[in-house]
Amino acid sequence: MSDDTSLKNHGALERLRSAGVVFEDSAESNLAQVNQELQMRADPDRVAAKSSRLWPWSREAKARNTAQELSVQARLDIFKDDLRSIRIAREVLSRAATMRAVQAAETAIFEIQCLGETARFSIINRTQLEMTEQFTYSSKRLKDFAAASLRRSWMHLKSGP
């Protein structure tokens, strides 16, 4: 591909890439304008006009053949550029989807951990409460037993030997 043709196509591709984010109406007209310019620049008739009487060995025929080959090459380059852009966009979207899935998984794991900790503290709290109640009950029974034993002993001492 000649340097002159690749520079012209490169300029058109740069304009297409630099279209950026614009309003829809403006984007459609801008895209149509760039598309029309690319079609015009890739038209081999601009270089060598089509004639019904071209001899295959003539200079015009050779120029037209070269122009057609370069036109096909330019269109292929545009197609490759479009495919590359689509692949990049797909990769970006795939990474974004993966990131969202990872974020959702991390959120779910965090919620499960929170529920587990809540259940753990609930069990610990309930067990401590039951142990405290059991200790209080046992302590009260011991006090009652001690008081009863002390009364019996006191009564036994009072009644004499």
C-alpha atoms as a PDB file:
ATOM      1  CA  MET A   1       0.000   0.000   0.000  1.00  0.00           C
ATOM      2  CA  SER A   2       1.487   3.374  -0.910  1.00  0.00           C
ATOM      3  CA  ASP A   3       2.230   5.940   1.788  1.00  0.00           C
ATOM      4  CA  ASP A   4       0.087   8.639   0.136  1.00  0.00           C
ATOM      5  CA  THR A   5      -3.068   6.486   0.090  1.00  0.00           C
ATOM      6  CA  SER A   6      -2.537   5.195   3.626  1.00  0.00           C
ATOM      7  CA  LEU A   7      -2.136   8.772   4.881  1.00  0.00           C
ATOM      8  CA  LYS A   8      -5.414   9.844   3.261  1.00  0.00           C
ATOM      9  CA  ASN A   9      -7.267   6.837   4.693  1.00  0.00           C
ATOM     10  CA  HIS A  10      -5.580   7.348   8.041  1.00  0.00           C
ATOM     11  CA  GLY A  11      -6.921  10.905   8.168  1.00  0.00           C
ATOM     12  CA  ALA A  12     -10.456   9.725   7.442  1.00  0.00           C
ATOM     13  CA  LEU A  13     -10.170   6.998  10.092  1.00  0.00           C
ATOM     14  CA  GLU A  14      -8.852   9.524  12.592  1.00  0.00           C
ATOM     15  CA  ARG A  15     -11.834  11.779  11.927  1.00  0.00           C
ATOM     16  CA  LEU A  16     -14.147   8.810  12.370  1.00  0.00           C
ATOM     17  CA  ARG A  17     -12.461   7.837  15.658  1.00  0.00           C
ATOM     18  CA  SER A  18     -12.398  11.402  16.919  1.00  0.00           C
ATOM     19  CA  ALA A  19     -16.132  11.813  16.362  1.00  0.00           C
ATOM     20  CA  GLY A  20     -16.444  11.037  20.077  1.00  0.00           C
ATOM     21  CA  VAL A  21     -19.622  11.334  22.072  1.00  0.00           C
ATOM     22  CA  VAL A  22     -22.052  13.785  20.493  1.00  0.00           C
ATOM     23  CA  PHE A  23     -25.795  14.215  20.296  1.00  0.00           C
ATOM     24  CA  GLU A  24     -27.645  11.549  18.298  1.00  0.00           C
ATOM     25  CA  ASP A  25     -28.723  13.763  15.391  1.00  0.00           C
ATOM     26  CA  SER A  26     -25.245  15.223  15.063  1.00  0.00           C
ATOM     27  CA  ALA A  27     -23.658  11.774  15.403  1.00  0.00           C
ATOM     28  CA  GLU A  28     -25.750  10.324  12.590  1.00  0.00           C
ATOM     29  CA  SER A  29     -24.992  13.206  10.226  1.00  0.00           C
ATOM     30  CA  ASN A  30     -21.313  13.182  11.216  1.00  0.00           C
ATOM     31  CA  LEU A  31     -21.115   9.429  10.671  1.00  0.00           C
ATOM     32  CA  ALA A  32     -22.873   9.748   7.308  1.00  0.00           C
ATOM     33  CA  GLN A  33     -20.458  12.503   6.270  1.00  0.00           C
ATOM     34  CA  VAL A  34     -17.385  10.500   7.285  1.00  0.00           C
ATOM     35  CA  ASN A  35     -18.808   7.397   5.622  1.00  0.00           C
ATOM     36  CA  GLN A  36     -19.433   9.324   2.399  1.00  0.00           C
ATOM     37  CA  GLU A  37     -15.902  10.744   2.501  1.00  0.00           C
ATOM     38  CA  LEU A  38     -14.425   7.269   3.021  1.00  0.00           C
ATOM     39  CA  GLN A  39     -16.452   5.920   0.111  1.00  0.00           C
ATOM     40  CA  MET A  40     -15.317   8.794  -2.090  1.00  0.00           C
ATOM     41  CA  ARG A  41     -11.660   8.363  -1.109  1.00  0.00           C
ATOM     42  CA  ALA A  42     -11.818   4.631  -1.703  1.00  0.00           C
ATOM     43  CA  ASP A  43     -13.402   5.067  -5.139  1.00  0.00           C
ATOM     44  CA  PRO A  44     -10.944   3.959  -7.844  1.00  0.00           C
ATOM     45  CA  ASP A  45     -12.749   6.171 -10.410  1.00  0.00           C
ATOM     46  CA  ARG A  46     -11.126   9.222  -8.752  1.00  0.00           C
ATOM     47  CA  VAL A  47      -7.695   7.987  -9.809  1.00  0.00           C
ATOM     48  CA  ALA A  48      -8.443   6.483 -13.194  1.00  0.00           C
ATOM     49  CA  ALA A  49     -11.828   7.059 -14.804  1.00  0.00           C
ATOM     50  CA  LYS A  50     -13.615   4.005 -16.084  1.00  0.00           C
ATOM     51  CA  SER A  51     -13.623   3.795 -19.812  1.00  0.00           C
ATOM     52  CA  SER A  52     -15.236   1.288 -22.107  1.00  0.00           C
ATOM     53  CA  ARG A  53     -12.130   1.152 -24.310  1.00  0.00           C
ATOM     54  CA  LEU A  54      -9.209   0.430 -22.033  1.00  0.00           C
ATOM     55  CA  TRP A  55      -6.528  -1.876 -23.315  1.00  0.00           C
ATOM     56  CA  PRO A  56      -5.310  -4.169 -20.534  1.00  0.00           C
ATOM     57  CA  TRP A  57      -1.681  -3.041 -21.109  1.00  0.00           C
ATOM     58  CA  SER A  58      -2.427   0.658 -21.240  1.00  0.00           C
ATOM     59  CA  ARG A  59      -1.231   3.052 -18.588  1.00  0.00           C
ATOM     60  CA  GLU A  60      -4.804   4.003 -17.628  1.00  0.00           C
ATOM     61  CA  ALA A  61      -5.805   0.346 -17.216  1.00  0.00           C
ATOM     62  CA  LYS A  62      -2.782  -0.345 -15.022  1.00  0.00           C
ATOM     63  CA  ALA A  63      -3.532   2.775 -12.952  1.00  0.00           C
ATOM     64  CA  ARG A  64      -7.171   1.696 -12.602  1.00  0.00           C
ATOM     65  CA  ASN A  65      -6.153  -1.833 -11.524  1.00  0.00           C
ATOM     66  CA  THR A  66      -3.750  -0.383  -8.965  1.00  0.00           C
ATOM     67  CA  ALA A  67      -6.453   2.012  -7.762  1.00  0.00           C
ATOM     68  CA  GLN A  68      -8.935  -0.869  -7.414  1.00  0.00           C
ATOM     69  CA  GLU A  69      -6.421  -2.923  -5.445  1.00  0.00           C
ATOM     70  CA  LEU A  70      -5.657   0.017  -3.159  1.00  0.00           C
ATOM     71  CA  SER A  71      -9.382   0.707  -2.762  1.00  0.00           C
ATOM     72  CA  VAL A  72      -9.999  -2.884  -1.683  1.00  0.00           C
ATOM     73  CA  GLN A  73      -6.991  -2.669   0.664  1.00  0.00           C
ATOM     74  CA  ALA A  74      -8.300   0.567   2.180  1.00  0.00           C
ATOM     75  CA  ARG A  75     -11.720  -0.956   2.733  1.00  0.00           C
ATOM     76  CA  LEU A  76     -10.068  -4.030   4.257  1.00  0.00           C
ATOM     77  CA  ASP A  77      -8.076  -1.778   6.599  1.00  0.00           C
ATOM     78  CA  ILE A  78     -11.297  -0.016   7.634  1.00  0.00           C
ATOM     79  CA  PHE A  79     -12.945  -3.401   8.207  1.00  0.00           C
ATOM     80  CA  LYS A  80      -9.974  -4.573  10.292  1.00  0.00           C
ATOM     81  CA  ASP A  81     -10.102  -1.360  12.309  1.00  0.00           C
ATOM     82  CA  ASP A  82     -13.830  -1.870  12.918  1.00  0.00           C
ATOM     83  CA  LEU A  83     -13.223  -5.462  14.027  1.00  0.00           C
ATOM     84  CA  ARG A  84     -10.447  -4.332  16.356  1.00  0.00           C
ATOM     85  CA  SER A  85     -12.784  -1.724  17.855  1.00  0.00           C
ATOM     86  CA  ILE A  86     -15.505  -4.340  18.329  1.00  0.00           C
ATOM     87  CA  ARG A  87     -13.067  -6.731  20.005  1.00  0.00           C
ATOM     88  CA  ILE A  88     -11.831  -4.008  22.331  1.00  0.00           C
ATOM     89  CA  ALA A  89     -15.402  -3.029  23.198  1.00  0.00           C
ATOM     90  CA  ARG A  90     -16.279  -6.672  23.833  1.00  0.00           C
ATOM     91  CA  GLU A  91     -13.248  -7.062  26.107  1.00  0.00           C
ATOM     92  CA  VAL A  92     -14.142  -3.920  28.043  1.00  0.00           C
ATOM     93  CA  LEU A  93     -17.749  -5.053  28.438  1.00  0.00           C
ATOM     94  CA  SER A  94     -16.610  -8.532  29.457  1.00  0.00           C
ATOM     95  CA  ARG A  95     -14.290  -7.094  32.102  1.00  0.00           C
ATOM     96  CA  ALA A  96     -17.041  -4.818  33.363  1.00  0.00           C
ATOM     97  CA  ALA A  97     -19.444  -7.756  33.623  1.00  0.00           C
ATOM     98  CA  THR A  98     -16.788  -9.803  35.415  1.00  0.00           C
ATOM     99  CA  MET A  99     -16.156  -6.947  37.833  1.00  0.00           C
ATOM    100  CA  ARG A 100     -19.881  -6.650  38.564  1.00  0.00           C
ATOM    101  CA  ALA A 101     -20.134 -10.414  39.132  1.00  0.00           C
ATOM    102  CA  VAL A 102     -17.129 -10.340  41.477  1.00  0.00           C
ATOM    103  CA  GLN A 103     -18.612  -7.383  43.327  1.00  0.00           C
ATOM    104  CA  ALA A 104     -21.957  -9.191  43.684  1.00  0.00           C
ATOM    105  CA  ALA A 105     -20.172 -12.321  44.933  1.00  0.00           C
ATOM    106  CA  GLU A 106     -18.157 -10.302  47.460  1.00  0.00           C
ATOM    107  CA  THR A 107     -21.341  -8.622  48.676  1.00  0.00           C
ATOM    108  CA  ALA A 108     -23.063 -11.993  49.072  1.00  0.00           C
ATOM    109  CA  ILE A 109     -20.056 -13.420  50.933  1.00  0.00           C
ATOM    110  CA  PHE A 110     -19.995 -10.388  53.232  1.00  0.00           C
ATOM    111  CA  GLU A 111     -23.719 -10.757  53.952  1.00  0.00           C
ATOM    112  CA  ILE A 112     -23.269 -14.463  54.716  1.00  0.00           C
ATOM    113  CA  GLN A 113     -20.371 -13.658  57.044  1.00  0.00           C
ATOM    114  CA  CYS A 114     -22.503 -11.026  58.796  1.00  0.00           C
ATOM    115  CA  LEU A 115     -25.347 -13.522  59.243  1.00  0.00           C
ATOM    116  CA  GLY A 116     -22.884 -16.098  60.575  1.00  0.00           C
ATOM    117  CA  GLU A 117     -21.417 -13.635  63.073  1.00  0.00           C
ATOM    118  CA  THR A 118     -24.926 -12.581  64.147  1.00  0.00           C
ATOM    119  CA  ALA A 119     -25.899 -16.216  64.717  1.00  0.00           C
ATOM    120  CA  ARG A 120     -22.623 -16.867  66.579  1.00  0.00           C
ATOM    121  CA  PHE A 121     -23.126 -13.919  68.933  1.00  0.00           C
ATOM    122  CA  SER A 122     -26.755 -14.907  69.442  1.00  0.00           C
ATOM    123  CA  ILE A 123     -25.713 -18.416  70.463  1.00  0.00           C
ATOM    124  CA  ILE A 124     -22.989 -17.072  72.773  1.00  0.00           C
ATOM    125  CA  ASN A 125     -25.391 -14.576  74.340  1.00  0.00           C
ATOM    126  CA  ARG A 126     -28.112 -17.197  74.854  1.00  0.00           C
ATOM    127  CA  THR A 127     -25.618 -19.651  76.359  1.00  0.00           C
ATOM    128  CA  GLN A 128     -24.223 -17.014  78.732  1.00  0.00           C
ATOM    129  CA  LEU A 129     -27.764 -16.081  79.792  1.00  0.00           C
ATOM    130  CA  GLU A 130     -28.667 -19.740  80.446  1.00  0.00           C
ATOM    131  CA  MET A 131     -25.424 -20.282  82.386  1.00  0.00           C
ATOM    132  CA  THR A 132     -26.075 -17.115  84.444  1.00  0.00           C
ATOM    133  CA  GLU A 133     -29.628 -18.249  85.217  1.00  0.00           C
ATOM    134  CA  GLN A 134     -28.361 -21.724  86.156  1.00  0.00           C
ATOM    135  CA  PHE A 135     -25.641 -20.220  88.354  1.00  0.00           C
ATOM    136  CA  THR A 136     -28.156 -17.888  90.030  1.00  0.00           C
ATOM    137  CA  TYR A 137     -30.547 -20.793  90.621  1.00  0.00           C
ATOM    138  CA  SER A 138     -27.750 -22.975  92.029  1.00  0.00           C
ATOM    139  CA  SER A 139     -26.478 -20.127  94.199  1.00  0.00           C
ATOM    140  CA  LYS A 140     -29.995 -19.548  95.576  1.00  0.00           C
ATOM    141  CA  ARG A 141     -30.388 -23.278  96.327  1.00  0.00           C
ATOM    142  CA  LEU A 142     -27.029 -23.286  98.124  1.00  0.00           C
ATOM    143  CA  LYS A 143     -28.036 -20.244 100.171  1.00  0.00           C
ATOM    144  CA  ASP A 144     -31.366 -21.889 101.024  1.00  0.00           C
ATOM    145  CA  PHE A 145     -29.578 -25.133 101.937  1.00  0.00           C
ATOM    146  CA  ALA A 146     -27.026 -23.254 104.049  1.00  0.00           C
ATOM    147  CA  ALA A 147     -29.762 -21.294 105.798  1.00  0.00           C
ATOM    148  CA  ALA A 148     -31.739 -24.487 106.456  1.00  0.00           C
ATOM    149  CA  SER A 149     -28.612 -26.261 107.734  1.00  0.00           C
ATOM    150  CA  LEU A 150     -27.756 -23.320 109.958  1.00  0.00           C
ATOM    151  CA  ARG A 151     -31.320 -23.305 111.394  1.00  0.00           C
ATOM    152  CA  ARG A 152     -31.177 -27.043 112.009  1.00  0.00           C
ATOM    153  CA  SER A 153     -27.804 -26.724 113.633  1.00  0.00           C
ATOM    154  CA  TRP A 154     -28.989 -23.818 115.731  1.00  0.00           C
ATOM    155  CA  MET A 155     -32.105 -25.714 116.733  1.00  0.00           C
ATOM    156  CA  HIS A 156     -30.057 -28.756 117.563  1.00  0.00           C
ATOM    157  CA  LEU A 157     -27.718 -26.689 119.719  1.00  0.00           C
ATOM    158  CA  LYS A 158     -30.643 -25.016 121.454  1.00  0.00           C
ATOM    159  CA  SER A 159     -32.346 -28.195 122.281  1.00  0.00           C
ATOM    160  CA  GLY A 160     -29.240 -29.317 124.036  1.00  0.00           C
ATOM    161  CA  PRO A 161     -27.347 -32.510 124.381  1.00  0.00           C
END
